[in-house]
Amino acid sequence: RREAAECLDVSAGSAVKWLQRWQNTGSVAAKPTGGSISPL
């Protein structure tokens, strides 16, 4: 993971998290962002 991260100029922590996500969900896609709902 660290070698691949270095070759692609990505932090090792990101590489580890992306591959953990792939192992858990089968996808390396980013989680959705935003979408907060107003209490009103």
Full PDB file with SEQRES, HELIX, SHEET, SSBOND, CRYST1, ORIGX, SCALE, CONECT and MASTER records, all heavy atoms in Angstrom:
SEQRES   1 A   40  ARG ARG GLU ALA ALA GLU CYS LEU ASP VAL SER ALA GLY          
SEQRES   2 A   40  SER ALA VAL LYS TRP LEU GLN ARG TRP GLN ASN THR GLY          
SEQRES   3 A   40  SER VAL ALA ALA LYS PRO THR GLY GLY SER ILE SER PRO          
SEQRES   4 A   40  LEU                                                          
HELIX    1 AA1 ARG A    2  CYS A    7  1                                   6    
HELIX    2 AA2 ALA A   12  THR A   25  1                                  14    
CRYST1    1.000    1.000    1.000  90.00  90.00  90.00 P 1           1          
ORIGX1      1.000000  0.000000  0.000000        0.00000                         
ORIGX2      0.000000  1.000000  0.000000        0.00000                         
ORIGX3      0.000000  0.000000  1.000000        0.00000                         
SCALE1      1.000000  0.000000  0.000000        0.00000                         
SCALE2      0.000000  1.000000  0.000000        0.00000                         
SCALE3      0.000000  0.000000  1.000000        0.00000                         
ATOM      1  N   ARG A   1       0.837  -1.215   0.000  1.00  0.00           N  
ATOM      2  CA  ARG A   1       0.000   0.000   0.000  1.00  0.00           C  
ATOM      3  C   ARG A   1       0.865   1.255   0.000  1.00  0.00           C  
ATOM      4  O   ARG A   1       0.596   2.212  -0.714  1.00  0.00           O  
ATOM      5  CB  ARG A   1      -0.931  -0.012   1.208  1.00  0.00           C  
ATOM      6  CG  ARG A   1      -1.930  -1.131   1.146  1.00  0.00           C  
ATOM      7  CD  ARG A   1      -2.757  -1.217   2.406  1.00  0.00           C  
ATOM      8  NE  ARG A   1      -3.672  -2.347   2.287  1.00  0.00           N  
ATOM      9  CZ  ARG A   1      -4.698  -2.546   3.055  1.00  0.00           C  
ATOM     10  NH1 ARG A   1      -4.963  -1.707   4.025  1.00  0.00           N  
ATOM     11  NH2 ARG A   1      -5.485  -3.576   2.883  1.00  0.00           N  
ATOM     12  N   ARG A   2       1.911   1.227   0.809  1.00  0.00           N  
ATOM     13  CA  ARG A   2       2.792   2.395   0.902  1.00  0.00           C  
ATOM     14  C   ARG A   2       3.568   2.628  -0.394  1.00  0.00           C  
ATOM     15  O   ARG A   2       3.754   3.755  -0.837  1.00  0.00           O  
ATOM     16  CB  ARG A   2       3.741   2.259   2.082  1.00  0.00           C  
ATOM     17  CG  ARG A   2       3.000   2.318   3.410  1.00  0.00           C  
ATOM     18  CD  ARG A   2       3.937   2.228   4.591  1.00  0.00           C  
ATOM     19  NE  ARG A   2       3.184   2.182   5.830  1.00  0.00           N  
ATOM     20  CZ  ARG A   2       2.729   3.253   6.474  1.00  0.00           C  
ATOM     21  NH1 ARG A   2       2.958   4.442   6.000  1.00  0.00           N  
ATOM     22  NH2 ARG A   2       2.055   3.117   7.591  1.00  0.00           N  
ATOM     23  N   GLU A   3       4.028   1.555  -1.036  1.00  0.00           N  
ATOM     24  CA  GLU A   3       4.735   1.683  -2.307  1.00  0.00           C  
ATOM     25  C   GLU A   3       3.808   2.253  -3.394  1.00  0.00           C  
ATOM     26  O   GLU A   3       4.198   3.145  -4.150  1.00  0.00           O  
ATOM     27  CB  GLU A   3       5.266   0.321  -2.767  1.00  0.00           C  
ATOM     28  CG  GLU A   3       6.426  -0.211  -1.957  1.00  0.00           C  
ATOM     29  CD  GLU A   3       6.763  -1.649  -2.325  1.00  0.00           C  
ATOM     30  OE1 GLU A   3       5.956  -2.316  -2.993  1.00  0.00           O  
ATOM     31  OE2 GLU A   3       7.856  -2.093  -1.943  1.00  0.00           O  
ATOM     32  N   ALA A   4       2.605   1.730  -3.447  1.00  0.00           N  
ATOM     33  CA  ALA A   4       1.643   2.203  -4.448  1.00  0.00           C  
ATOM     34  C   ALA A   4       1.315   3.672  -4.203  1.00  0.00           C  
ATOM     35  O   ALA A   4       1.222   4.463  -5.143  1.00  0.00           O  
ATOM     36  CB  ALA A   4       0.378   1.357  -4.408  1.00  0.00           C  
ATOM     37  N   ALA A   5       1.182   4.036  -2.941  1.00  0.00           N  
ATOM     38  CA  ALA A   5       0.884   5.430  -2.603  1.00  0.00           C  
ATOM     39  C   ALA A   5       2.024   6.341  -3.031  1.00  0.00           C  
ATOM     40  O   ALA A   5       1.799   7.420  -3.585  1.00  0.00           O  
ATOM     41  CB  ALA A   5       0.633   5.555  -1.106  1.00  0.00           C  
ATOM     42  N   GLU A   6       3.256   5.911  -2.795  1.00  0.00           N  
ATOM     43  CA  GLU A   6       4.408   6.726  -3.163  1.00  0.00           C  
ATOM     44  C   GLU A   6       4.507   6.889  -4.683  1.00  0.00           C  
ATOM     45  O   GLU A   6       4.775   7.978  -5.184  1.00  0.00           O  
ATOM     46  CB  GLU A   6       5.693   6.088  -2.622  1.00  0.00           C  
ATOM     47  CG  GLU A   6       6.901   6.975  -2.776  1.00  0.00           C  
ATOM     48  CD  GLU A   6       8.137   6.371  -2.116  1.00  0.00           C  
ATOM     49  OE1 GLU A   6       8.007   5.819  -1.007  1.00  0.00           O  
ATOM     50  OE2 GLU A   6       9.212   6.464  -2.726  1.00  0.00           O  
ATOM     51  N   CYS A   7       4.251   5.820  -5.431  1.00  0.00           N  
ATOM     52  CA  CYS A   7       4.304   5.885  -6.896  1.00  0.00           C  
ATOM     53  C   CYS A   7       3.240   6.835  -7.454  1.00  0.00           C  
ATOM     54  O   CYS A   7       3.476   7.509  -8.457  1.00  0.00           O  
ATOM     55  CB  CYS A   7       4.091   4.499  -7.496  1.00  0.00           C  
ATOM     56  SG  CYS A   7       5.502   3.411  -7.269  1.00  0.00           S  
ATOM     57  N   LEU A   8       2.085   6.875  -6.823  1.00  0.00           N  
ATOM     58  CA  LEU A   8       0.982   7.708  -7.323  1.00  0.00           C  
ATOM     59  C   LEU A   8       0.906   9.062  -6.623  1.00  0.00           C  
ATOM     60  O   LEU A   8      -0.039   9.810  -6.844  1.00  0.00           O  
ATOM     61  CB  LEU A   8      -0.342   6.955  -7.164  1.00  0.00           C  
ATOM     62  CG  LEU A   8      -0.457   5.685  -8.007  1.00  0.00           C  
ATOM     63  CD1 LEU A   8      -1.696   4.900  -7.642  1.00  0.00           C  
ATOM     64  CD2 LEU A   8      -0.457   6.038  -9.488  1.00  0.00           C  
ATOM     65  N   ASP A   9       1.882   9.355  -5.794  1.00  0.00           N  
ATOM     66  CA  ASP A   9       1.950  10.643  -5.091  1.00  0.00           C  
ATOM     67  C   ASP A   9       0.706  10.893  -4.234  1.00  0.00           C  
ATOM     68  O   ASP A   9       0.079  11.946  -4.299  1.00  0.00           O  
ATOM     69  CB  ASP A   9       2.171  11.783  -6.082  1.00  0.00           C  
ATOM     70  CG  ASP A   9       2.719  13.027  -5.412  1.00  0.00           C  
ATOM     71  OD1 ASP A   9       3.387  12.884  -4.361  1.00  0.00           O  
ATOM     72  OD2 ASP A   9       2.475  14.140  -5.917  1.00  0.00           O  
ATOM     73  N   VAL A  10       0.385   9.876  -3.443  1.00  0.00           N  
ATOM     74  CA  VAL A  10      -0.745   9.929  -2.517  1.00  0.00           C  
ATOM     75  C   VAL A  10      -0.201   9.589  -1.143  1.00  0.00           C  
ATOM     76  O   VAL A  10       0.773   8.850  -1.026  1.00  0.00           O  
ATOM     77  CB  VAL A  10      -1.830   8.891  -2.940  1.00  0.00           C  
ATOM     78  CG1 VAL A  10      -2.960   8.835  -1.952  1.00  0.00           C  
ATOM     79  CG2 VAL A  10      -2.347   9.188  -4.320  1.00  0.00           C  
ATOM     80  N   SER A  11      -0.835  10.115  -0.110  1.00  0.00           N  
ATOM     81  CA  SER A  11      -0.354   9.792   1.229  1.00  0.00           C  
ATOM     82  C   SER A  11      -0.620   8.321   1.545  1.00  0.00           C  
ATOM     83  O   SER A  11      -1.582   7.727   1.057  1.00  0.00           O  
ATOM     84  CB  SER A  11      -1.044  10.670   2.274  1.00  0.00           C  
ATOM     85  OG  SER A  11      -2.387  10.282   2.433  1.00  0.00           O  
ATOM     86  N   ALA A  12       0.262   7.753   2.350  1.00  0.00           N  
ATOM     87  CA  ALA A  12       0.117   6.345   2.715  1.00  0.00           C  
ATOM     88  C   ALA A  12      -1.175   6.123   3.494  1.00  0.00           C  
ATOM     89  O   ALA A  12      -1.851   5.099   3.324  1.00  0.00           O  
ATOM     90  CB  ALA A  12       1.325   5.899   3.540  1.00  0.00           C  
ATOM     91  N   GLY A  13      -1.542   7.083   4.324  1.00  0.00           N  
ATOM     92  CA  GLY A  13      -2.779   6.958   5.094  1.00  0.00           C  
ATOM     93  C   GLY A  13      -3.998   6.874   4.191  1.00  0.00           C  
ATOM     94  O   GLY A  13      -4.920   6.098   4.448  1.00  0.00           O  
ATOM     95  N   SER A  14      -4.000   7.675   3.127  1.00  0.00           N  
ATOM     96  CA  SER A  14      -5.118   7.616   2.179  1.00  0.00           C  
ATOM     97  C   SER A  14      -5.172   6.255   1.509  1.00  0.00           C  
ATOM     98  O   SER A  14      -6.251   5.670   1.351  1.00  0.00           O  
ATOM     99  CB  SER A  14      -4.981   8.701   1.120  1.00  0.00           C  
ATOM    100  OG  SER A  14      -5.156   9.970   1.689  1.00  0.00           O  
ATOM    101  N   ALA A  15      -4.029   5.758   1.107  1.00  0.00           N  
ATOM    102  CA  ALA A  15      -3.986   4.450   0.454  1.00  0.00           C  
ATOM    103  C   ALA A  15      -4.522   3.366   1.372  1.00  0.00           C  
ATOM    104  O   ALA A  15      -5.319   2.511   0.954  1.00  0.00           O  
ATOM    105  CB  ALA A  15      -2.559   4.122   0.028  1.00  0.00           C  
ATOM    106  N   VAL A  16      -4.130   3.405   2.626  1.00  0.00           N  
ATOM    107  CA  VAL A  16      -4.597   2.406   3.595  1.00  0.00           C  
ATOM    108  C   VAL A  16      -6.111   2.507   3.754  1.00  0.00           C  
ATOM    109  O   VAL A  16      -6.831   1.512   3.725  1.00  0.00           O  
ATOM    110  CB  VAL A  16      -3.867   2.588   4.947  1.00  0.00           C  
ATOM    111  CG1 VAL A  16      -4.519   1.755   6.023  1.00  0.00           C  
ATOM    112  CG2 VAL A  16      -2.393   2.231   4.801  1.00  0.00           C  
ATOM    113  N   LYS A  17      -6.630   3.734   3.893  1.00  0.00           N  
ATOM    114  CA  LYS A  17      -8.078   3.923   4.075  1.00  0.00           C  
ATOM    115  C   LYS A  17      -8.867   3.492   2.840  1.00  0.00           C  
ATOM    116  O   LYS A  17      -9.913   2.868   2.950  1.00  0.00           O  
ATOM    117  CB  LYS A  17      -8.377   5.380   4.407  1.00  0.00           C  
ATOM    118  CG  LYS A  17      -7.960   5.766   5.803  1.00  0.00           C  
ATOM    119  CD  LYS A  17      -8.267   7.215   6.065  1.00  0.00           C  
ATOM    120  CE  LYS A  17      -7.734   7.625   7.428  1.00  0.00           C  
ATOM    121  NZ  LYS A  17      -7.947   9.058   7.681  1.00  0.00           N  
ATOM    122  N   TRP A  18      -8.351   3.821   1.652  1.00  0.00           N  
ATOM    123  CA  TRP A  18      -9.057   3.446   0.430  1.00  0.00           C  
ATOM    124  C   TRP A  18      -9.150   1.928   0.303  1.00  0.00           C  
ATOM    125  O   TRP A  18     -10.191   1.399  -0.064  1.00  0.00           O  
ATOM    126  CB  TRP A  18      -8.364   4.000  -0.803  1.00  0.00           C  
ATOM    127  CG  TRP A  18      -8.368   5.487  -0.899  1.00  0.00           C  
ATOM    128  CD1 TRP A  18      -9.096   6.364  -0.149  1.00  0.00           C  
ATOM    129  CD2 TRP A  18      -7.599   6.271  -1.794  1.00  0.00           C  
ATOM    130  NE1 TRP A  18      -8.824   7.656  -0.524  1.00  0.00           N  
ATOM    131  CE2 TRP A  18      -7.905   7.629  -1.537  1.00  0.00           C  
ATOM    132  CE3 TRP A  18      -6.675   5.984  -2.786  1.00  0.00           C  
ATOM    133  CZ2 TRP A  18      -7.329   8.677  -2.248  1.00  0.00           C  
ATOM    134  CZ3 TRP A  18      -6.104   7.016  -3.497  1.00  0.00           C  
ATOM    135  CH2 TRP A  18      -6.431   8.357  -3.226  1.00  0.00           C  
ATOM    136  N   LEU A  19      -8.059   1.242   0.624  1.00  0.00           N  
ATOM    137  CA  LEU A  19      -8.069  -0.213   0.496  1.00  0.00           C  
ATOM    138  C   LEU A  19      -8.875  -0.876   1.617  1.00  0.00           C  
ATOM    139  O   LEU A  19      -9.483  -1.927   1.405  1.00  0.00           O  
ATOM    140  CB  LEU A  19      -6.645  -0.748   0.414  1.00  0.00           C  
ATOM    141  CG  LEU A  19      -6.005  -0.371  -0.927  1.00  0.00           C  
ATOM    142  CD1 LEU A  19      -4.515  -0.516  -0.901  1.00  0.00           C  
ATOM    143  CD2 LEU A  19      -6.614  -1.196  -2.041  1.00  0.00           C  
ATOM    144  N   GLN A  20      -8.914  -0.277   2.791  1.00  0.00           N  
ATOM    145  CA  GLN A  20      -9.799  -0.781   3.834  1.00  0.00           C  
ATOM    146  C   GLN A  20     -11.258  -0.661   3.386  1.00  0.00           C  
ATOM    147  O   GLN A  20     -12.065  -1.561   3.585  1.00  0.00           O  
ATOM    148  CB  GLN A  20      -9.607  -0.008   5.146  1.00  0.00           C  
ATOM    149  CG  GLN A  20      -8.369  -0.392   5.909  1.00  0.00           C  
ATOM    150  CD  GLN A  20      -8.152   0.498   7.127  1.00  0.00           C  
ATOM    151  OE1 GLN A  20      -8.766   1.559   7.266  1.00  0.00           O  
ATOM    152  NE2 GLN A  20      -7.256   0.062   7.999  1.00  0.00           N  
ATOM    153  N   ARG A  21     -11.569   0.485   2.757  1.00  0.00           N  
ATOM    154  CA  ARG A  21     -12.922   0.686   2.239  1.00  0.00           C  
ATOM    155  C   ARG A  21     -13.242  -0.356   1.174  1.00  0.00           C  
ATOM    156  O   ARG A  21     -14.342  -0.896   1.132  1.00  0.00           O  
ATOM    157  CB  ARG A  21     -13.049   2.102   1.682  1.00  0.00           C  
ATOM    158  CG  ARG A  21     -14.422   2.432   1.139  1.00  0.00           C  
ATOM    159  CD  ARG A  21     -14.594   3.926   0.953  1.00  0.00           C  
ATOM    160  NE  ARG A  21     -15.756   4.266   0.201  1.00  0.00           N  
ATOM    161  CZ  ARG A  21     -16.999   4.234   0.676  1.00  0.00           C  
ATOM    162  NH1 ARG A  21     -17.212   3.879   1.916  1.00  0.00           N  
ATOM    163  NH2 ARG A  21     -18.020   4.561  -0.094  1.00  0.00           N  
ATOM    164  N   TRP A  22     -12.275  -0.649   0.300  1.00  0.00           N  
ATOM    165  CA  TRP A  22     -12.492  -1.651  -0.737  1.00  0.00           C  
ATOM    166  C   TRP A  22     -12.739  -3.033  -0.129  1.00  0.00           C  
ATOM    167  O   TRP A  22     -13.605  -3.778  -0.576  1.00  0.00           O  
ATOM    168  CB  TRP A  22     -11.284  -1.680  -1.677  1.00  0.00           C  
ATOM    169  CG  TRP A  22     -11.388  -2.721  -2.742  1.00  0.00           C  
ATOM    170  CD1 TRP A  22     -12.261  -2.750  -3.782  1.00  0.00           C  
ATOM    171  CD2 TRP A  22     -10.595  -3.888  -2.853  1.00  0.00           C  
ATOM    172  NE1 TRP A  22     -12.056  -3.858  -4.548  1.00  0.00           N  
ATOM    173  CE2 TRP A  22     -11.029  -4.586  -3.992  1.00  0.00           C  
ATOM    174  CE3 TRP A  22      -9.541  -4.420  -2.101  1.00  0.00           C  
ATOM    175  CZ2 TRP A  22     -10.458  -5.776  -4.393  1.00  0.00           C  
ATOM    176  CZ3 TRP A  22      -8.971  -5.590  -2.502  1.00  0.00           C  
ATOM    177  CH2 TRP A  22      -9.436  -6.264  -3.641  1.00  0.00           C  
ATOM    178  N   GLN A  23     -11.982  -3.364   0.928  1.00  0.00           N  
ATOM    179  CA  GLN A  23     -12.165  -4.661   1.586  1.00  0.00           C  
ATOM    180  C   GLN A  23     -13.524  -4.751   2.275  1.00  0.00           C  
ATOM    181  O   GLN A  23     -14.158  -5.807   2.277  1.00  0.00           O  
ATOM    182  CB  GLN A  23     -11.063  -4.895   2.618  1.00  0.00           C  
ATOM    183  CG  GLN A  23      -9.721  -5.192   1.989  1.00  0.00           C  
ATOM    184  CD  GLN A  23      -8.601  -5.268   3.012  1.00  0.00           C  
ATOM    185  OE1 GLN A  23      -8.716  -4.738   4.106  1.00  0.00           O  
ATOM    186  NE2 GLN A  23      -7.510  -5.929   2.632  1.00  0.00           N  
ATOM    187  N   ASN A  24     -13.980  -3.643   2.848  1.00  0.00           N  
ATOM    188  CA  ASN A  24     -15.250  -3.658   3.592  1.00  0.00           C  
ATOM    189  C   ASN A  24     -16.477  -3.553   2.686  1.00  0.00           C  
ATOM    190  O   ASN A  24     -17.517  -4.156   2.981  1.00  0.00           O  
ATOM    191  CB  ASN A  24     -15.297  -2.515   4.617  1.00  0.00           C  
ATOM    192  CG  ASN A  24     -14.275  -2.712   5.719  1.00  0.00           C  
ATOM    193  OD1 ASN A  24     -13.879  -3.825   6.019  1.00  0.00           O  
ATOM    194  ND2 ASN A  24     -13.837  -1.617   6.313  1.00  0.00           N  
ATOM    195  N   THR A  25     -16.382  -2.764   1.612  1.00  0.00           N  
ATOM    196  CA  THR A  25     -17.567  -2.481   0.803  1.00  0.00           C  
ATOM    197  C   THR A  25     -17.466  -2.963  -0.633  1.00  0.00           C  
ATOM    198  O   THR A  25     -18.480  -3.001  -1.332  1.00  0.00           O  
ATOM    199  CB  THR A  25     -17.853  -0.962   0.767  1.00  0.00           C  
ATOM    200  OG1 THR A  25     -16.792  -0.309   0.079  1.00  0.00           O  
ATOM    201  CG2 THR A  25     -18.014  -0.397   2.153  1.00  0.00           C  
ATOM    202  N   GLY A  26     -16.252  -3.280  -1.096  1.00  0.00           N  
ATOM    203  CA  GLY A  26     -16.079  -3.669  -2.483  1.00  0.00           C  
ATOM    204  C   GLY A  26     -15.950  -2.481  -3.422  1.00  0.00           C  
ATOM    205  O   GLY A  26     -15.961  -2.639  -4.634  1.00  0.00           O  
ATOM    206  N   SER A  27     -15.822  -1.278  -2.861  1.00  0.00           N  
ATOM    207  CA  SER A  27     -15.707  -0.074  -3.675  1.00  0.00           C  
ATOM    208  C   SER A  27     -14.661   0.851  -3.069  1.00  0.00           C  
ATOM    209  O   SER A  27     -14.562   0.967  -1.848  1.00  0.00           O  
ATOM    210  CB  SER A  27     -17.053   0.645  -3.713  1.00  0.00           C  
ATOM    211  OG  SER A  27     -16.920   1.912  -4.299  1.00  0.00           O  
ATOM    212  N   VAL A  28     -13.893   1.514  -3.943  1.00  0.00           N  
ATOM    213  CA  VAL A  28     -12.939   2.506  -3.457  1.00  0.00           C  
ATOM    214  C   VAL A  28     -13.465   3.926  -3.644  1.00  0.00           C  
ATOM    215  O   VAL A  28     -12.770   4.889  -3.378  1.00  0.00           O  
ATOM    216  CB  VAL A  28     -11.559   2.367  -4.146  1.00  0.00           C  
ATOM    217  CG1 VAL A  28     -10.867   1.093  -3.736  1.00  0.00           C  
ATOM    218  CG2 VAL A  28     -11.686   2.483  -5.641  1.00  0.00           C  
ATOM    219  N   ALA A  29     -14.698   4.048  -4.107  1.00  0.00           N  
ATOM    220  CA  ALA A  29     -15.291   5.374  -4.350  1.00  0.00           C  
ATOM    221  C   ALA A  29     -15.394   6.146  -3.033  1.00  0.00           C  
ATOM    222  O   ALA A  29     -15.563   5.557  -1.956  1.00  0.00           O  
ATOM    223  CB  ALA A  29     -16.667   5.235  -4.976  1.00  0.00           C  
ATOM    224  N   ALA A  30     -15.285   7.467  -3.150  1.00  0.00           N  
ATOM    225  CA  ALA A  30     -15.379   8.319  -1.965  1.00  0.00           C  
ATOM    226  C   ALA A  30     -16.789   8.268  -1.387  1.00  0.00           C  
ATOM    227  O   ALA A  30     -17.768   8.084  -2.115  1.00  0.00           O  
ATOM    228  CB  ALA A  30     -15.016   9.753  -2.336  1.00  0.00           C  
ATOM    229  N   LYS A  31     -16.877   8.431  -0.094  1.00  0.00           N  
ATOM    230  CA  LYS A  31     -18.188   8.502   0.550  1.00  0.00           C  
ATOM    231  C   LYS A  31     -18.880   9.795   0.136  1.00  0.00           C  
ATOM    232  O   LYS A  31     -18.219  10.789  -0.148  1.00  0.00           O  
ATOM    233  CB  LYS A  31     -18.028   8.496   2.071  1.00  0.00           C  
ATOM    234  CG  LYS A  31     -17.503   7.204   2.637  1.00  0.00           C  
ATOM    235  CD  LYS A  31     -17.393   7.322   4.147  1.00  0.00           C  
ATOM    236  CE  LYS A  31     -16.810   6.081   4.759  1.00  0.00           C  
ATOM    237  NZ  LYS A  31     -16.645   6.219   6.214  1.00  0.00           N  
ATOM    238  N   PRO A  32     -20.205   9.803   0.106  1.00  0.00           N  
ATOM    239  CA  PRO A  32     -20.911  11.044  -0.230  1.00  0.00           C  
ATOM    240  C   PRO A  32     -20.631  12.120   0.815  1.00  0.00           C  
ATOM    241  O   PRO A  32     -20.465  11.826   1.996  1.00  0.00           O  
ATOM    242  CB  PRO A  32     -22.380  10.650  -0.210  1.00  0.00           C  
ATOM    243  CG  PRO A  32     -22.440   9.181  -0.032  1.00  0.00           C  
ATOM    244  CD  PRO A  32     -21.097   8.697   0.343  1.00  0.00           C  
ATOM    245  N   THR A  33     -20.582  13.361   0.356  1.00  0.00           N  
ATOM    246  CA  THR A  33     -20.333  14.472   1.271  1.00  0.00           C  
ATOM    247  C   THR A  33     -21.533  15.403   1.302  1.00  0.00           C  
ATOM    248  O   THR A  33     -22.374  15.394   0.403  1.00  0.00           O  
ATOM    249  CB  THR A  33     -19.104  15.281   0.830  1.00  0.00           C  
ATOM    250  OG1 THR A  33     -19.331  15.769  -0.478  1.00  0.00           O  
ATOM    251  CG2 THR A  33     -17.836  14.444   0.862  1.00  0.00           C  
ATOM    252  N   GLY A  34     -21.594  16.223   2.334  1.00  0.00           N  
ATOM    253  CA  GLY A  34     -22.651  17.225   2.455  1.00  0.00           C  
ATOM    254  C   GLY A  34     -23.979  16.600   2.805  1.00  0.00           C  
ATOM    255  O   GLY A  34     -24.068  15.497   3.319  1.00  0.00           O  
ATOM    256  N   GLY A  35     -25.035  17.329   2.513  1.00  0.00           N  
ATOM    257  CA  GLY A  35     -26.365  16.793   2.721  1.00  0.00           C  
ATOM    258  C   GLY A  35     -26.906  16.976   4.117  1.00  0.00           C  
ATOM    259  O   GLY A  35     -27.760  16.205   4.543  1.00  0.00           O  
ATOM    260  N   SER A  36     -26.438  17.960   4.845  1.00  0.00           N  
ATOM    261  CA  SER A  36     -26.994  18.163   6.173  1.00  0.00           C  
ATOM    262  C   SER A  36     -28.421  18.670   6.057  1.00  0.00           C  
ATOM    263  O   SER A  36     -28.804  19.313   5.081  1.00  0.00           O  
ATOM    264  CB  SER A  36     -26.145  19.162   6.962  1.00  0.00           C  
ATOM    265  OG  SER A  36     -26.197  20.427   6.352  1.00  0.00           O  
ATOM    266  N   ILE A  37     -29.220  18.376   7.052  1.00  0.00           N  
ATOM    267  CA  ILE A  37     -30.631  18.756   7.046  1.00  0.00           C  
ATOM    268  C   ILE A  37     -30.863  19.759   8.165  1.00  0.00           C  
ATOM    269  O   ILE A  37     -30.442  19.558   9.304  1.00  0.00           O  
ATOM    270  CB  ILE A  37     -31.519  17.517   7.235  1.00  0.00           C  
ATOM    271  CG1 ILE A  37     -31.319  16.562   6.062  1.00  0.00           C  
ATOM    272  CG2 ILE A  37     -32.974  17.912   7.338  1.00  0.00           C  
ATOM    273  CD1 ILE A  37     -32.015  15.243   6.221  1.00  0.00           C  
ATOM    274  N   SER A  38     -31.552  20.818   7.846  1.00  0.00           N  
ATOM    275  CA  SER A  38     -31.847  21.853   8.823  1.00  0.00           C  
ATOM    276  C   SER A  38     -32.867  21.350   9.841  1.00  0.00           C  
ATOM    277  O   SER A  38     -33.828  20.660   9.475  1.00  0.00           O  
ATOM    278  CB  SER A  38     -32.414  23.084   8.112  1.00  0.00           C  
ATOM    279  OG  SER A  38     -32.938  23.998   9.045  1.00  0.00           O  
ATOM    280  N   PRO A  39     -32.700  21.697  11.117  1.00  0.00           N  
ATOM    281  CA  PRO A  39     -33.713  21.350  12.113  1.00  0.00           C  
ATOM    282  C   PRO A  39     -35.056  22.012  11.821  1.00  0.00           C  
ATOM    283  O   PRO A  39     -36.084  21.562  12.314  1.00  0.00           O  
ATOM    284  CB  PRO A  39     -33.131  21.870  13.429  1.00  0.00           C  
ATOM    285  CG  PRO A  39     -31.688  22.077  13.187  1.00  0.00           C  
ATOM    286  CD  PRO A  39     -31.528  22.314  11.720  1.00  0.00           C  
ATOM    287  N   LEU A  40     -35.058  23.071  11.008  1.00  0.00           N  
ATOM    288  CA  LEU A  40     -36.315  23.745  10.673  1.00  0.00           C  
ATOM    289  C   LEU A  40     -37.131  22.965   9.644  1.00  0.00           C  
ATOM    290  O   LEU A  40     -38.305  23.286   9.432  1.00  0.00           O  
ATOM    291  CB  LEU A  40     -36.039  25.155  10.148  1.00  0.00           C  
ATOM    292  CG  LEU A  40     -35.510  26.163  11.156  1.00  0.00           C  
ATOM    293  CD1 LEU A  40     -35.290  27.511  10.492  1.00  0.00           C  
ATOM    294  CD2 LEU A  40     -36.450  26.297  12.331  1.00  0.00           C  
TER     295      LEU A  40                                                      
MASTER        0    0    0    2    0    0    0    6  294    1    0    4          
END                                                                             
